[in-house]
C-alpha cells in the first residue's frame, strides 16, 4: 500500500501472482503490453500498459503513478482492486474449477486428483 508503482515486465508465461498481488494492494500497476498481462491489466482502466522495452514509456508511466498518489485520484487503483476481487478471488477460482470439471471440459479423473 505504500508503493507508488509496480512495474510488471514479464513477457512469457501465464498470469503472475505478483501482478495480482500488486493490483489487489491498490498500487498503480504498469505492465508490459503482452498477452498474459493484457488478460488482467486494462490500460487506463485498472493500470497502465507500455512496451516493456520502451524506456521513455516506462518513465512516463512511473510519473503518472506518482501523480495518481495525489488525493482524490484513485479510480485506477479502486478498479484494480475490484478486478482482483471479482475475477481472481478464491471463490472465483473455485467456480471456474467447478465449471471446468462438471461441464465435462476435462476428464473427471483429473479433477478428482486435484
Protein backbone atom coordinates (compact mmCIF):
# COMPACT_ATOMS: atom_id res chain seq x y z
CA UNK A 1 0.00 0.00 0.00
CA UNK A 2 2.98 2.31 0.35
CA UNK A 3 4.30 1.84 -3.17
CA UNK A 4 3.79 4.33 -5.95
CA UNK A 5 4.35 1.83 -8.71
CA UNK A 6 4.73 -1.82 -9.51
CA UNK A 7 6.24 -2.48 -12.94
CA UNK A 8 5.41 -5.91 -14.31
CA UNK A 9 7.84 -6.61 -17.13
CA UNK A 10 7.18 -10.32 -17.62
CA UNK A 11 6.63 -11.23 -21.23
CA UNK A 12 6.13 -15.01 -21.12
CA UNK A 13 4.13 -17.48 -19.10
CA UNK A 14 0.73 -17.16 -17.53
CA UNK A 15 -0.72 -14.62 -15.15
CA UNK A 16 1.89 -13.96 -12.49
CA UNK A 17 0.75 -13.92 -8.84
CA UNK A 18 2.92 -10.85 -8.14
CA UNK A 19 0.87 -8.89 -10.70
CA UNK A 20 -2.36 -9.92 -8.98
CA UNK A 21 -0.96 -9.06 -5.53
CA UNK A 22 0.12 -5.61 -6.66
CA UNK A 23 -3.29 -4.91 -8.16
CA UNK A 24 -5.06 -6.20 -5.02
CA UNK A 25 -2.96 -3.86 -2.86
CA UNK A 26 -4.18 -0.81 -4.76
CA UNK A 27 -0.73 0.02 -6.07
CA UNK A 28 -0.53 1.63 -9.52
CA UNK A 29 0.49 -1.20 -11.86
CA UNK A 30 2.35 -0.57 -15.07
CA UNK A 31 2.72 -3.69 -17.18
CA UNK A 32 4.42 -4.70 -20.38
CA UNK A 33 1.97 -4.93 -23.27
CA UNK A 34 1.97 -8.74 -23.60
CA UNK A 35 -0.84 -11.28 -23.79
CA UNK A 36 -0.57 -12.62 -20.21
CA UNK A 37 -0.57 -9.11 -18.74
CA UNK A 38 -3.34 -7.83 -21.02
CA UNK A 39 -5.61 -10.61 -19.75
CA UNK A 40 -5.74 -8.79 -16.40
CA UNK A 41 -4.48 -5.24 -16.82
CA UNK A 42 -6.56 -2.83 -18.90
CA UNK A 43 -4.73 0.32 -19.98
CA UNK A 44 -6.30 3.39 -18.40
CA UNK A 45 -8.92 1.33 -16.58
CA UNK A 46 -7.11 -0.55 -13.79
CA UNK A 47 -3.48 0.30 -14.57
CA UNK A 48 -1.22 1.14 -17.46
CA UNK A 49 0.35 -0.77 -20.33
CA UNK A 50 3.59 0.07 -22.13
CA UNK A 51 6.05 -1.60 -24.43
CA UNK A 52 8.37 -3.31 -21.96
CA UNK A 53 11.41 -2.17 -23.94
CA UNK A 54 10.33 1.47 -24.22
CA UNK A 55 12.35 3.26 -21.55
CA UNK A 56 10.57 6.58 -22.20
CA UNK A 57 7.16 4.94 -21.92
CA UNK A 58 8.12 3.24 -18.67
CA UNK A 59 9.39 6.57 -17.28
CA UNK A 60 6.17 8.34 -18.33
CA UNK A 61 4.14 5.58 -16.64
CA UNK A 62 6.17 5.98 -13.46
CA UNK A 63 5.49 9.73 -13.43
CA UNK A 64 1.77 9.03 -13.91
CA UNK A 65 1.88 6.68 -10.92
CA UNK A 66 3.31 9.46 -8.76
CA UNK A 67 0.61 11.86 -9.94
CA UNK A 68 -2.09 9.29 -9.10
CA UNK A 69 -0.91 9.16 -5.49
CA UNK A 70 -2.31 12.66 -5.07
CA UNK A 71 -5.53 12.74 -3.01
CA UNK A 72 -8.77 12.33 -4.93
CA UNK A 73 -7.46 10.47 -7.98
CA UNK A 74 -7.62 6.80 -7.12
CA UNK A 75 -10.09 5.43 -9.67
CA UNK A 76 -7.46 3.22 -11.35
CA UNK A 77 -6.41 1.77 -8.01
CA UNK A 78 -10.02 1.11 -6.97
CA UNK A 79 -10.70 -0.58 -10.31
CA UNK A 80 -7.59 -2.76 -9.93
CA UNK A 81 -8.81 -3.95 -6.53
CA UNK A 82 -12.29 -4.62 -7.96
CA UNK A 83 -10.76 -6.59 -10.86
CA UNK A 84 -8.97 -8.90 -8.44
CA UNK A 85 -11.90 -9.29 -6.06
CA UNK A 86 -14.31 -10.19 -8.84
CA UNK A 87 -12.10 -12.25 -11.12
CA UNK A 88 -9.31 -13.72 -9.05
CA UNK A 89 -10.71 -14.46 -5.62
CA UNK A 90 -10.69 -17.97 -4.19
CA UNK A 91 -14.45 -18.06 -4.81
CA UNK A 92 -13.97 -17.16 -8.50
CA UNK A 93 -11.20 -19.75 -8.84
CA UNK A 94 -13.31 -22.49 -7.30
CA UNK A 95 -16.26 -21.58 -9.51
CA UNK A 96 -14.04 -21.79 -12.60
CA UNK A 97 -12.61 -25.12 -11.44
CA UNK A 98 -16.13 -26.41 -10.81
CA UNK A 99 -17.23 -25.29 -14.28
CA UNK A 100 -14.29 -26.98 -15.99
CA UNK A 101 -14.81 -30.24 -14.10
CA UNK A 102 -18.56 -30.52 -14.11
CA UNK A 103 -19.24 -29.18 -17.57
CA UNK A 104 -17.15 -32.03 -18.97
CA UNK A 105 -14.34 -29.82 -20.27
CA UNK A 106 -11.67 -32.10 -18.78
CA UNK A 107 -11.77 -35.77 -17.79
CA UNK A 108 -13.18 -36.24 -14.28
CA UNK A 109 -10.09 -38.22 -13.22
CA UNK A 110 -8.01 -35.06 -13.49
CA UNK A 111 -10.47 -33.08 -11.35
CA UNK A 112 -10.60 -35.80 -8.70
CA UNK A 113 -6.80 -35.87 -8.49
CA UNK A 114 -6.74 -32.17 -7.63
